[in-house]
């Protein structure tokens, strides 16, 4: 249920409605727009009467939210949300997150970070913990990788985005990252999402490879309902019958997520295609579809990358993508 306040409703008017909702054992989520305040009612709506809420002073109307996600829905949060990462405004500015799939040796990682910064990336990405389909594949440098990422931030000055795969690692990873990345395998790890909701650090939530749009947004609700509104969505391709590409980059989901939710939406053309020579075109298509930015795998020597070499582009290719996408954004 959402309660729409009349224009000009005061803080006291809003508080009265919130107290009424809470008296029925439910939570209230207040979203203040430029002209209208909307209060989301979270809980068993059978416990409260729509008409009683609608009759309160300064309430315009009360209506149900029937979707499987509520906190991130446009009904509850009609204004576009911006997530601040160390001064980078995701959802406001066109943002590029770039770096290698995995943290490598320190010298190589620093070289990549410096070159992606020069190419226009605002945030550096690299995995210290790498969940892989095969247990025999490279699993990441783990704690050593986190120390290298800390050195990247200190020496290059870029904020860090790295993957979190276990609730036990939240505190450790949180000391060395500015954005927790939840990969597609963990989109349904609801214990992890709930724990991340109790932090205040931004969370980049990738879509699961078989998740519907509703399931993806419902996963975001697990984070937001626990208190952390700093969620960034990332479309990274889904599994379909097509075998030419690694995944199918679903630009419908980029558009749909922007329509249905208030959250900023990024696209990952690297995983979405799995082919470096397709990344530039897929990047442009993503921005044309309304994505707020891109996450891209970049390496100074792509063929030598420790993982995902086939989809990794060069810093020069990143620079070309950044320049072209900025022009598209203006259009």
C-alpha atoms as a PDB file:
ATOM      1  CA  UNK A   1       0.000   0.000   0.000  1.00  0.00           C
ATOM      2  CA  UNK A   2       1.112   3.573  -0.605  1.00  0.00           C
ATOM      3  CA  UNK A   3      -0.285   6.700   0.982  1.00  0.00           C
ATOM      4  CA  UNK A   4      -0.035   9.836  -1.148  1.00  0.00           C
ATOM      5  CA  UNK A   5       0.014  13.053   0.891  1.00  0.00           C
ATOM      6  CA  UNK A   6      -1.569  16.261  -0.360  1.00  0.00           C
ATOM      7  CA  UNK A   7       0.776  18.977  -1.637  1.00  0.00           C
ATOM      8  CA  UNK A   8       1.917  21.133   1.261  1.00  0.00           C
ATOM      9  CA  UNK A   9       1.573  18.443   3.930  1.00  0.00           C
ATOM     10  CA  UNK A  10       3.813  19.298   6.884  1.00  0.00           C
ATOM     11  CA  UNK A  11       6.280  17.075   8.718  1.00  0.00           C
ATOM     12  CA  UNK A  12       3.736  16.766  11.529  1.00  0.00           C
ATOM     13  CA  UNK A  13       1.085  15.590   9.058  1.00  0.00           C
ATOM     14  CA  UNK A  14       3.446  12.954   7.700  1.00  0.00           C
ATOM     15  CA  UNK A  15       4.433  11.848  11.191  1.00  0.00           C
ATOM     16  CA  UNK A  16       0.775  11.376  12.130  1.00  0.00           C
ATOM     17  CA  UNK A  17       0.294   8.996   9.192  1.00  0.00           C
ATOM     18  CA  UNK A  18       3.503   7.121   9.976  1.00  0.00           C
ATOM     19  CA  UNK A  19       2.440   6.653  13.605  1.00  0.00           C
ATOM     20  CA  UNK A  20      -0.953   5.361  12.465  1.00  0.00           C
ATOM     21  CA  UNK A  21       0.740   2.804  10.193  1.00  0.00           C
ATOM     22  CA  UNK A  22       3.189   1.713  12.888  1.00  0.00           C
ATOM     23  CA  UNK A  23       0.388   1.316  15.417  1.00  0.00           C
ATOM     24  CA  UNK A  24      -0.873  -1.557  13.245  1.00  0.00           C
ATOM     25  CA  UNK A  25       2.517  -3.289  13.430  1.00  0.00           C
ATOM     26  CA  UNK A  26       3.689  -2.279   9.947  1.00  0.00           C
ATOM     27  CA  UNK A  27       6.666  -0.342   8.611  1.00  0.00           C
ATOM     28  CA  UNK A  28       6.462   3.024   6.867  1.00  0.00           C
ATOM     29  CA  UNK A  29       8.877   4.171   4.166  1.00  0.00           C
ATOM     30  CA  UNK A  30       8.740   7.932   3.504  1.00  0.00           C
ATOM     31  CA  UNK A  31       9.741   9.253   0.075  1.00  0.00           C
ATOM     32  CA  UNK A  32       9.764  13.036  -0.295  1.00  0.00           C
ATOM     33  CA  UNK A  33       9.471  14.482  -3.795  1.00  0.00           C
ATOM     34  CA  UNK A  34       9.595  18.099  -4.891  1.00  0.00           C
ATOM     35  CA  UNK A  35       5.838  18.519  -4.553  1.00  0.00           C
ATOM     36  CA  UNK A  36       4.430  15.306  -3.075  1.00  0.00           C
ATOM     37  CA  UNK A  37       5.345  13.004  -0.213  1.00  0.00           C
ATOM     38  CA  UNK A  38       4.557   9.299  -0.595  1.00  0.00           C
ATOM     39  CA  UNK A  39       4.538   6.858   2.314  1.00  0.00           C
ATOM     40  CA  UNK A  40       5.028   3.185   1.554  1.00  0.00           C
ATOM     41  CA  UNK A  41       3.226   0.771   3.874  1.00  0.00           C
ATOM     42  CA  UNK A  42       5.127  -2.490   4.293  1.00  0.00           C
ATOM     43  CA  UNK A  43       3.501  -5.446   6.043  1.00  0.00           C
ATOM     44  CA  UNK A  44       0.261  -7.399   6.110  1.00  0.00           C
ATOM     45  CA  UNK A  45      -2.152  -4.897   4.565  1.00  0.00           C
ATOM     46  CA  UNK A  46      -5.121  -6.887   5.863  1.00  0.00           C
ATOM     47  CA  UNK A  47      -4.358  -5.370   9.270  1.00  0.00           C
ATOM     48  CA  UNK A  48      -5.241  -1.826   8.210  1.00  0.00           C
ATOM     49  CA  UNK A  49      -8.187  -0.169   6.504  1.00  0.00           C
ATOM     50  CA  UNK A  50      -7.517   1.818   3.319  1.00  0.00           C
ATOM     51  CA  UNK A  51     -10.385   4.171   4.059  1.00  0.00           C
ATOM     52  CA  UNK A  52      -9.133   4.986   7.554  1.00  0.00           C
ATOM     53  CA  UNK A  53      -5.779   6.079   6.168  1.00  0.00           C
ATOM     54  CA  UNK A  54      -7.366   7.950   3.288  1.00  0.00           C
ATOM     55  CA  UNK A  55      -9.538   9.888   5.718  1.00  0.00           C
ATOM     56  CA  UNK A  56      -6.602  11.297   7.689  1.00  0.00           C
ATOM     57  CA  UNK A  57      -5.985  15.049   7.334  1.00  0.00           C
ATOM     58  CA  UNK A  58      -3.696  16.002   4.438  1.00  0.00           C
ATOM     59  CA  UNK A  59      -3.864  12.493   2.890  1.00  0.00           C
ATOM     60  CA  UNK A  60      -4.785  12.607  -0.787  1.00  0.00           C
ATOM     61  CA  UNK A  61      -5.331   8.862  -1.314  1.00  0.00           C
ATOM     62  CA  UNK A  62      -4.266   5.364  -0.204  1.00  0.00           C
ATOM     63  CA  UNK A  63      -3.881   2.525  -2.686  1.00  0.00           C
ATOM     64  CA  UNK A  64      -2.382  -0.986  -2.806  1.00  0.00           C
ATOM     65  CA  UNK A  65       0.962  -1.964  -4.336  1.00  0.00           C
ATOM     66  CA  UNK A  66       0.463  -5.389  -5.877  1.00  0.00           C
ATOM     67  CA  UNK A  67       3.989  -5.950  -7.214  1.00  0.00           C
ATOM     68  CA  UNK A  68       6.454  -8.393  -5.571  1.00  0.00           C
ATOM     69  CA  UNK A  69       8.789  -5.464  -4.883  1.00  0.00           C
ATOM     70  CA  UNK A  70       7.711  -2.391  -2.947  1.00  0.00           C
ATOM     71  CA  UNK A  71      10.564  -0.326  -1.522  1.00  0.00           C
ATOM     72  CA  UNK A  72      12.185   0.256  -4.937  1.00  0.00           C
ATOM     73  CA  UNK A  73       8.957   0.629  -6.918  1.00  0.00           C
ATOM     74  CA  UNK A  74       7.942   3.867  -8.586  1.00  0.00           C
ATOM     75  CA  UNK A  75       4.744   3.858  -6.541  1.00  0.00           C
ATOM     76  CA  UNK A  76       6.680   4.123  -3.280  1.00  0.00           C
ATOM     77  CA  UNK A  77       9.672   6.068  -4.633  1.00  0.00           C
ATOM     78  CA  UNK A  78       8.595   8.099  -7.684  1.00  0.00           C
ATOM     79  CA  UNK A  79      11.776  10.186  -7.923  1.00  0.00           C
ATOM     80  CA  UNK A  80      14.929   8.814  -9.570  1.00  0.00           C
ATOM     81  CA  UNK A  81      17.425   7.858  -6.890  1.00  0.00           C
ATOM     82  CA  UNK A  82      21.085   8.869  -7.065  1.00  0.00           C
ATOM     83  CA  UNK A  83      23.804   6.812  -5.382  1.00  0.00           C
ATOM     84  CA  UNK A  84      26.916   8.689  -4.284  1.00  0.00           C
ATOM     85  CA  UNK A  85      30.191   6.759  -4.465  1.00  0.00           C
ATOM     86  CA  UNK A  86      32.983   8.947  -3.122  1.00  0.00           C
ATOM     87  CA  UNK A  87      31.612  11.933  -5.013  1.00  0.00           C
ATOM     88  CA  UNK A  88      30.603   9.989  -8.145  1.00  0.00           C
ATOM     89  CA  UNK A  89      26.853  10.472  -8.649  1.00  0.00           C
ATOM     90  CA  UNK A  90      25.470   7.284 -10.198  1.00  0.00           C
ATOM     91  CA  UNK A  91      22.044   8.022 -11.608  1.00  0.00           C
ATOM     92  CA  UNK A  92      22.896  11.649 -12.274  1.00  0.00           C
ATOM     93  CA  UNK A  93      26.170  11.500 -14.220  1.00  0.00           C
ATOM     94  CA  UNK A  94      27.051   9.015 -16.958  1.00  0.00           C
ATOM     95  CA  UNK A  95      29.378   6.682 -15.050  1.00  0.00           C
ATOM     96  CA  UNK A  96      31.935   4.168 -16.309  1.00  0.00           C
ATOM     97  CA  UNK A  97      33.215   1.423 -14.010  1.00  0.00           C
ATOM     98  CA  UNK A  98      36.215  -0.340 -15.520  1.00  0.00           C
ATOM     99  CA  UNK A  99      39.077  -2.692 -14.764  1.00  0.00           C
ATOM    100  CA  UNK A 100      40.133  -6.327 -15.096  1.00  0.00           C
ATOM    101  CA  UNK A 101      37.905  -9.257 -14.197  1.00  0.00           C
ATOM    102  CA  UNK A 102      40.342 -10.291 -11.463  1.00  0.00           C
ATOM    103  CA  UNK A 103      42.899  -8.491  -9.349  1.00  0.00           C
ATOM    104  CA  UNK A 104      46.293  -9.519 -10.712  1.00  0.00           C
ATOM    105  CA  UNK A 105      49.812  -8.693  -9.500  1.00  0.00           C
ATOM    106  CA  UNK A 106      50.144  -5.217  -8.041  1.00  0.00           C
ATOM    107  CA  UNK A 107      52.168  -3.634 -10.856  1.00  0.00           C
ATOM    108  CA  UNK A 108      49.741  -4.789 -13.559  1.00  0.00           C
ATOM    109  CA  UNK A 109      46.693  -3.772 -11.544  1.00  0.00           C
ATOM    110  CA  UNK A 110      48.118  -0.289 -10.931  1.00  0.00           C
ATOM    111  CA  UNK A 111      48.948   0.129 -14.640  1.00  0.00           C
ATOM    112  CA  UNK A 112      45.400  -0.832 -15.600  1.00  0.00           C
ATOM    113  CA  UNK A 113      43.893   1.500 -13.001  1.00  0.00           C
ATOM    114  CA  UNK A 114      45.928   4.484 -14.172  1.00  0.00           C
ATOM    115  CA  UNK A 115      45.033   3.894 -17.821  1.00  0.00           C
ATOM    116  CA  UNK A 116      41.298   3.385 -17.236  1.00  0.00           C
ATOM    117  CA  UNK A 117      41.296   6.580 -15.169  1.00  0.00           C
ATOM    118  CA  UNK A 118      42.869   8.456 -18.084  1.00  0.00           C
ATOM    119  CA  UNK A 119      40.332   6.864 -20.450  1.00  0.00           C
ATOM    120  CA  UNK A 120      37.407   8.237 -18.456  1.00  0.00           C
ATOM    121  CA  UNK A 121      36.493   5.606 -15.856  1.00  0.00           C
ATOM    122  CA  UNK A 122      35.248   7.021 -12.549  1.00  0.00           C
ATOM    123  CA  UNK A 123      35.355   3.770 -10.536  1.00  0.00           C
ATOM    124  CA  UNK A 124      37.806   0.854 -10.677  1.00  0.00           C
ATOM    125  CA  UNK A 125      36.472  -2.699 -10.681  1.00  0.00           C
ATOM    126  CA  UNK A 126      38.359  -5.944 -10.100  1.00  0.00           C
ATOM    127  CA  UNK A 127      37.538  -9.147  -8.282  1.00  0.00           C
ATOM    128  CA  UNK A 128      39.526 -10.283  -5.253  1.00  0.00           C
ATOM    129  CA  UNK A 129      37.061 -13.109  -4.575  1.00  0.00           C
ATOM    130  CA  UNK A 130      36.013 -14.909  -7.757  1.00  0.00           C
ATOM    131  CA  UNK A 131      33.136 -17.417  -7.565  1.00  0.00           C
ATOM    132  CA  UNK A 132      33.559 -19.632 -10.615  1.00  0.00           C
ATOM    133  CA  UNK A 133      31.454 -22.366 -12.173  1.00  0.00           C
ATOM    134  CA  UNK A 134      34.363 -24.819 -11.972  1.00  0.00           C
ATOM    135  CA  UNK A 135      36.065 -25.382  -8.602  1.00  0.00           C
ATOM    136  CA  UNK A 136      39.319 -25.803 -10.548  1.00  0.00           C
ATOM    137  CA  UNK A 137      39.211 -22.315 -12.054  1.00  0.00           C
ATOM    138  CA  UNK A 138      41.140 -19.366 -10.596  1.00  0.00           C
ATOM    139  CA  UNK A 139      39.269 -18.210  -7.484  1.00  0.00           C
ATOM    140  CA  UNK A 140      40.946 -14.841  -6.960  1.00  0.00           C
ATOM    141  CA  UNK A 141      43.734 -13.518  -4.722  1.00  0.00           C
ATOM    142  CA  UNK A 142      41.284 -12.946  -1.859  1.00  0.00           C
ATOM    143  CA  UNK A 143      42.814 -10.951   1.064  1.00  0.00           C
ATOM    144  CA  UNK A 144      45.982 -10.218  -0.935  1.00  0.00           C
ATOM    145  CA  UNK A 145      43.790  -8.892  -3.725  1.00  0.00           C
ATOM    146  CA  UNK A 146      41.989  -6.585  -1.297  1.00  0.00           C
ATOM    147  CA  UNK A 147      45.312  -5.108  -0.203  1.00  0.00           C
ATOM    148  CA  UNK A 148      46.204  -4.450  -3.850  1.00  0.00           C
ATOM    149  CA  UNK A 149      42.852  -2.709  -4.350  1.00  0.00           C
ATOM    150  CA  UNK A 150      43.563  -0.547  -1.311  1.00  0.00           C
ATOM    151  CA  UNK A 151      46.860   0.474  -2.924  1.00  0.00           C
ATOM    152  CA  UNK A 152      45.055   1.290  -6.175  1.00  0.00           C
ATOM    153  CA  UNK A 153      42.734   3.692  -4.382  1.00  0.00           C
ATOM    154  CA  UNK A 154      45.586   5.284  -2.459  1.00  0.00           C
ATOM    155  CA  UNK A 155      47.891   5.755  -5.474  1.00  0.00           C
ATOM    156  CA  UNK A 156      45.455   6.252  -8.387  1.00  0.00           C
ATOM    157  CA  UNK A 157      42.572   7.862  -6.515  1.00  0.00           C
ATOM    158  CA  UNK A 158      39.697   5.866  -7.990  1.00  0.00           C
ATOM    159  CA  UNK A 159      36.907   4.458  -5.777  1.00  0.00           C
ATOM    160  CA  UNK A 160      36.820   0.648  -5.704  1.00  0.00           C
ATOM    161  CA  UNK A 161      34.080  -1.818  -6.663  1.00  0.00           C
ATOM    162  CA  UNK A 162      34.687  -5.495  -5.870  1.00  0.00           C
ATOM    163  CA  UNK A 163      32.594  -8.604  -5.414  1.00  0.00           C
ATOM    164  CA  UNK A 164      31.274  -9.949  -2.118  1.00  0.00           C
ATOM    165  CA  UNK A 165      30.283 -13.619  -2.041  1.00  0.00           C
ATOM    166  CA  UNK A 166      29.776 -14.505   1.638  1.00  0.00           C
ATOM    167  CA  UNK A 167      28.198 -12.843   4.663  1.00  0.00           C
ATOM    168  CA  UNK A 168      31.337 -13.749   6.640  1.00  0.00           C
ATOM    169  CA  UNK A 169      33.424 -11.464   4.410  1.00  0.00           C
ATOM    170  CA  UNK A 170      31.279  -8.312   4.593  1.00  0.00           C
ATOM    171  CA  UNK A 171      33.404  -6.575   7.204  1.00  0.00           C
ATOM    172  CA  UNK A 172      36.735  -7.562   5.615  1.00  0.00           C
ATOM    173  CA  UNK A 173      35.731  -6.598   2.088  1.00  0.00           C
ATOM    174  CA  UNK A 174      34.027  -3.444   3.349  1.00  0.00           C
ATOM    175  CA  UNK A 175      37.338  -2.093   4.639  1.00  0.00           C
ATOM    176  CA  UNK A 176      38.777  -2.079   1.120  1.00  0.00           C
ATOM    177  CA  UNK A 177      35.876  -1.323  -1.195  1.00  0.00           C
ATOM    178  CA  UNK A 178      33.547   1.596  -1.856  1.00  0.00           C
ATOM    179  CA  UNK A 179      30.904  -0.513  -3.623  1.00  0.00           C
ATOM    180  CA  UNK A 180      29.929  -4.087  -2.781  1.00  0.00           C
ATOM    181  CA  UNK A 181      29.267  -5.967  -6.022  1.00  0.00           C
ATOM    182  CA  UNK A 182      26.768  -8.825  -5.801  1.00  0.00           C
ATOM    183  CA  UNK A 183      27.327 -11.086  -8.791  1.00  0.00           C
ATOM    184  CA  UNK A 184      24.681 -12.965 -10.734  1.00  0.00           C
ATOM    185  CA  UNK A 185      25.269 -16.181  -8.739  1.00  0.00           C
ATOM    186  CA  UNK A 186      24.439 -14.383  -5.494  1.00  0.00           C
ATOM    187  CA  UNK A 187      21.422 -12.374  -6.650  1.00  0.00           C
ATOM    188  CA  UNK A 188      19.304 -14.983  -4.862  1.00  0.00           C
ATOM    189  CA  UNK A 189      21.529 -15.187  -1.789  1.00  0.00           C
ATOM    190  CA  UNK A 190      18.908 -13.499   0.379  1.00  0.00           C
ATOM    191  CA  UNK A 191      20.923 -13.845   3.582  1.00  0.00           C
ATOM    192  CA  UNK A 192      23.767 -11.908   1.947  1.00  0.00           C
ATOM    193  CA  UNK A 193      21.411  -9.274   0.529  1.00  0.00           C
ATOM    194  CA  UNK A 194      19.750  -8.771   3.910  1.00  0.00           C
ATOM    195  CA  UNK A 195      23.106  -8.368   5.664  1.00  0.00           C
ATOM    196  CA  UNK A 196      24.260  -5.861   3.040  1.00  0.00           C
ATOM    197  CA  UNK A 197      21.049  -3.984   3.759  1.00  0.00           C
ATOM    198  CA  UNK A 198      22.301  -3.374   7.282  1.00  0.00           C
ATOM    199  CA  UNK A 199      25.375  -1.570   5.942  1.00  0.00           C
ATOM    200  CA  UNK A 200      25.311   1.880   4.361  1.00  0.00           C
ATOM    201  CA  UNK A 201      27.873   1.204   1.646  1.00  0.00           C
ATOM    202  CA  UNK A 202      26.535   1.189  -1.944  1.00  0.00           C
ATOM    203  CA  UNK A 203      25.621  -2.209  -3.401  1.00  0.00           C
ATOM    204  CA  UNK A 204      25.810  -2.992  -7.122  1.00  0.00           C
ATOM    205  CA  UNK A 205      23.314  -5.787  -7.736  1.00  0.00           C
ATOM    206  CA  UNK A 206      23.793  -7.791 -10.910  1.00  0.00           C
ATOM    207  CA  UNK A 207      20.848  -9.600 -12.429  1.00  0.00           C
ATOM    208  CA  UNK A 208      20.880 -13.391 -12.180  1.00  0.00           C
ATOM    209  CA  UNK A 209      21.318 -15.171 -15.505  1.00  0.00           C
ATOM    210  CA  UNK A 210      17.821 -16.686 -15.291  1.00  0.00           C
ATOM    211  CA  UNK A 211      16.080 -14.013 -13.215  1.00  0.00           C
ATOM    212  CA  UNK A 212      13.006 -12.151 -14.398  1.00  0.00           C
ATOM    213  CA  UNK A 213      12.807  -8.386 -14.027  1.00  0.00           C
ATOM    214  CA  UNK A 214      10.419  -8.768 -11.069  1.00  0.00           C
ATOM    215  CA  UNK A 215      12.763 -11.222  -9.332  1.00  0.00           C
ATOM    216  CA  UNK A 216      15.701  -8.860  -9.823  1.00  0.00           C
ATOM    217  CA  UNK A 217      13.824  -5.917  -8.342  1.00  0.00           C
ATOM    218  CA  UNK A 218      12.525  -8.071  -5.497  1.00  0.00           C
ATOM    219  CA  UNK A 219      16.163  -8.960  -4.712  1.00  0.00           C
ATOM    220  CA  UNK A 220      16.903  -5.228  -4.495  1.00  0.00           C
ATOM    221  CA  UNK A 221      14.029  -4.937  -2.006  1.00  0.00           C
ATOM    222  CA  UNK A 222      15.867  -7.318   0.349  1.00  0.00           C
ATOM    223  CA  UNK A 223      18.650  -4.736   0.603  1.00  0.00           C
ATOM    224  CA  UNK A 224      16.515  -1.601   0.805  1.00  0.00           C
ATOM    225  CA  UNK A 225      13.975  -2.975   3.306  1.00  0.00           C
ATOM    226  CA  UNK A 226      16.854  -3.589   5.721  1.00  0.00           C
ATOM    227  CA  UNK A 227      17.831   0.078   5.617  1.00  0.00           C
ATOM    228  CA  UNK A 228      20.342   0.528   2.788  1.00  0.00           C
ATOM    229  CA  UNK A 229      18.851   2.586  -0.050  1.00  0.00           C
ATOM    230  CA  UNK A 230      22.177   2.829  -1.916  1.00  0.00           C
ATOM    231  CA  UNK A 231      21.462   0.151  -4.524  1.00  0.00           C
ATOM    232  CA  UNK A 232      22.622   0.186  -8.144  1.00  0.00           C
ATOM    233  CA  UNK A 233      21.172  -2.310 -10.620  1.00  0.00           C
ATOM    234  CA  UNK A 234      23.353  -3.883 -13.316  1.00  0.00           C
ATOM    235  CA  UNK A 235      22.049  -5.840 -16.319  1.00  0.00           C
ATOM    236  CA  UNK A 236      24.777  -8.322 -17.314  1.00  0.00           C
ATOM    237  CA  UNK A 237      23.024 -10.599 -19.766  1.00  0.00           C
ATOM    238  CA  UNK A 238      20.772 -13.606 -19.308  1.00  0.00           C
ATOM    239  CA  UNK A 239      20.930 -17.217 -20.429  1.00  0.00           C
ATOM    240  CA  UNK A 240      18.907 -17.946 -23.571  1.00  0.00           C
ATOM    241  CA  UNK A 241      18.982 -20.472 -26.409  1.00  0.00           C
ATOM    242  CA  UNK A 242      21.555 -18.293 -28.242  1.00  0.00           C
ATOM    243  CA  UNK A 243      25.088 -19.735 -28.197  1.00  0.00           C
ATOM    244  CA  UNK A 244      26.894 -17.203 -30.396  1.00  0.00           C
ATOM    245  CA  UNK A 245      27.384 -14.885 -27.425  1.00  0.00           C
ATOM    246  CA  UNK A 246      28.235 -15.764 -23.835  1.00  0.00           C
ATOM    247  CA  UNK A 247      24.917 -14.313 -22.665  1.00  0.00           C
ATOM    248  CA  UNK A 248      22.088 -12.273 -24.163  1.00  0.00           C
ATOM    249  CA  UNK A 249      22.321  -8.637 -23.104  1.00  0.00           C
ATOM    250  CA  UNK A 250      18.700  -7.815 -22.285  1.00  0.00           C
ATOM    251  CA  UNK A 251      18.197  -4.131 -23.008  1.00  0.00           C
ATOM    252  CA  UNK A 252      14.464  -4.611 -22.423  1.00  0.00           C
ATOM    253  CA  UNK A 253      15.384  -5.093 -18.764  1.00  0.00           C
ATOM    254  CA  UNK A 254      17.331  -1.820 -18.708  1.00  0.00           C
ATOM    255  CA  UNK A 255      14.260   0.025 -19.966  1.00  0.00           C
ATOM    256  CA  UNK A 256      11.908  -1.962 -17.721  1.00  0.00           C
ATOM    257  CA  UNK A 257      14.001  -1.388 -14.598  1.00  0.00           C
ATOM    258  CA  UNK A 258      14.016   2.360 -15.258  1.00  0.00           C
ATOM    259  CA  UNK A 259      10.231   2.333 -15.677  1.00  0.00           C
ATOM    260  CA  UNK A 260       9.388   0.133 -12.699  1.00  0.00           C
ATOM    261  CA  UNK A 261      11.971   1.227 -10.140  1.00  0.00           C
ATOM    262  CA  UNK A 262      13.622   4.369  -8.825  1.00  0.00           C
ATOM    263  CA  UNK A 263      17.121   2.857  -8.860  1.00  0.00           C
ATOM    264  CA  UNK A 264      19.996   3.759 -11.192  1.00  0.00           C
ATOM    265  CA  UNK A 265      20.641   1.080 -13.819  1.00  0.00           C
ATOM    266  CA  UNK A 266      23.976   0.120 -15.377  1.00  0.00           C
ATOM    267  CA  UNK A 267      24.744  -2.373 -18.145  1.00  0.00           C
ATOM    268  CA  UNK A 268      27.645  -4.814 -18.442  1.00  0.00           C
ATOM    269  CA  UNK A 269      28.335  -5.383 -22.168  1.00  0.00           C
ATOM    270  CA  UNK A 270      31.433  -7.436 -21.355  1.00  0.00           C
ATOM    271  CA  UNK A 271      29.504 -10.296 -19.734  1.00  0.00           C
ATOM    272  CA  UNK A 272      26.455  -9.515 -21.844  1.00  0.00           C
ATOM    273  CA  UNK A 273      28.290 -10.471 -25.028  1.00  0.00           C
ATOM    274  CA  UNK A 274      31.422 -12.337 -23.967  1.00  0.00           C
ATOM    275  CA  UNK A 275      33.188 -10.978 -27.049  1.00  0.00           C
ATOM    276  CA  UNK A 276      35.499  -7.980 -26.997  1.00  0.00           C
ATOM    277  CA  UNK A 277      34.680  -7.037 -30.590  1.00  0.00           C
ATOM    278  CA  UNK A 278      30.983  -6.732 -29.692  1.00  0.00           C
ATOM    279  CA  UNK A 279      31.474  -4.625 -26.560  1.00  0.00           C
ATOM    280  CA  UNK A 280      31.602  -1.197 -28.298  1.00  0.00           C
ATOM    281  CA  UNK A 281      28.310  -1.716 -30.150  1.00  0.00           C
ATOM    282  CA  UNK A 282      26.590  -3.209 -27.100  1.00  0.00           C
ATOM    283  CA  UNK A 283      27.856  -0.288 -24.999  1.00  0.00           C
ATOM    284  CA  UNK A 284      26.327   2.267 -27.344  1.00  0.00           C
ATOM    285  CA  UNK A 285      23.055   0.345 -27.461  1.00  0.00           C
ATOM    286  CA  UNK A 286      22.925   0.253 -23.655  1.00  0.00           C
ATOM    287  CA  UNK A 287      23.310   4.011 -23.315  1.00  0.00           C
ATOM    288  CA  UNK A 288      20.774   4.597 -26.090  1.00  0.00           C
ATOM    289  CA  UNK A 289      18.348   2.400 -24.126  1.00  0.00           C
ATOM    290  CA  UNK A 290      18.736   4.642 -21.080  1.00  0.00           C
ATOM    291  CA  UNK A 291      21.433   2.976 -18.958  1.00  0.00           C
ATOM    292  CA  UNK A 292      23.031   5.350 -16.426  1.00  0.00           C
ATOM    293  CA  UNK A 293      26.474   3.927 -17.120  1.00  0.00           C
ATOM    294  CA  UNK A 294      28.529   0.873 -17.988  1.00  0.00           C
ATOM    295  CA  UNK A 295      30.637  -1.729 -16.231  1.00  0.00           C
ATOM    296  CA  UNK A 296      33.433  -2.905 -18.543  1.00  0.00           C
ATOM    297  CA  UNK A 297      36.323  -5.347 -18.332  1.00  0.00           C
ATOM    298  CA  UNK A 298      39.546  -3.629 -19.378  1.00  0.00           C
ATOM    299  CA  UNK A 299      43.185  -4.738 -19.395  1.00  0.00           C
ATOM    300  CA  UNK A 300      46.424  -3.273 -20.755  1.00  0.00           C
ATOM    301  CA  UNK A 301      47.080  -6.639 -22.420  1.00  0.00           C
ATOM    302  CA  UNK A 302      43.693  -8.370 -22.813  1.00  0.00           C
ATOM    303  CA  UNK A 303      45.166 -11.622 -24.125  1.00  0.00           C
ATOM    304  CA  UNK A 304      47.173 -11.921 -20.898  1.00  0.00           C
ATOM    305  CA  UNK A 305      44.239 -11.330 -18.537  1.00  0.00           C
ATOM    306  CA  UNK A 306      44.001 -13.948 -15.806  1.00  0.00           C
ATOM    307  CA  UNK A 307      40.287 -14.432 -16.453  1.00  0.00           C
ATOM    308  CA  UNK A 308      37.668 -13.499 -19.084  1.00  0.00           C
ATOM    309  CA  UNK A 309      40.288 -12.505 -21.676  1.00  0.00           C
ATOM    310  CA  UNK A 310      37.879 -13.043 -24.591  1.00  0.00           C
ATOM    311  CA  UNK A 311      35.582 -10.222 -23.475  1.00  0.00           C
ATOM    312  CA  UNK A 312      38.228  -7.780 -22.253  1.00  0.00           C
ATOM    313  CA  UNK A 313      38.939  -4.550 -24.133  1.00  0.00           C
ATOM    314  CA  UNK A 314      41.952  -2.201 -24.124  1.00  0.00           C
ATOM    315  CA  UNK A 315      42.135   1.210 -22.425  1.00  0.00           C
ATOM    316  CA  UNK A 316      42.094   2.867 -25.866  1.00  0.00           C
ATOM    317  CA  UNK A 317      38.883   1.039 -26.743  1.00  0.00           C
ATOM    318  CA  UNK A 318      37.444   2.175 -23.407  1.00  0.00           C
ATOM    319  CA  UNK A 319      38.317   5.786 -24.224  1.00  0.00           C
ATOM    320  CA  UNK A 320      36.557   5.514 -27.586  1.00  0.00           C
ATOM    321  CA  UNK A 321      33.464   4.031 -25.896  1.00  0.00           C
ATOM    322  CA  UNK A 322      33.412   6.789 -23.260  1.00  0.00           C
ATOM    323  CA  UNK A 323      33.602   9.557 -25.868  1.00  0.00           C
ATOM    324  CA  UNK A 324      30.904   8.035 -28.073  1.00  0.00           C
ATOM    325  CA  UNK A 325      28.562   7.238 -25.189  1.00  0.00           C
ATOM    326  CA  UNK A 326      28.818  10.773 -23.817  1.00  0.00           C
ATOM    327  CA  UNK A 327      27.614  12.071 -27.189  1.00  0.00           C
ATOM    328  CA  UNK A 328      24.763   9.551 -27.163  1.00  0.00           C
ATOM    329  CA  UNK A 329      23.788  10.625 -23.658  1.00  0.00           C
ATOM    330  CA  UNK A 330      23.514  14.245 -24.819  1.00  0.00           C
ATOM    331  CA  UNK A 331      21.137  13.152 -27.585  1.00  0.00           C
END
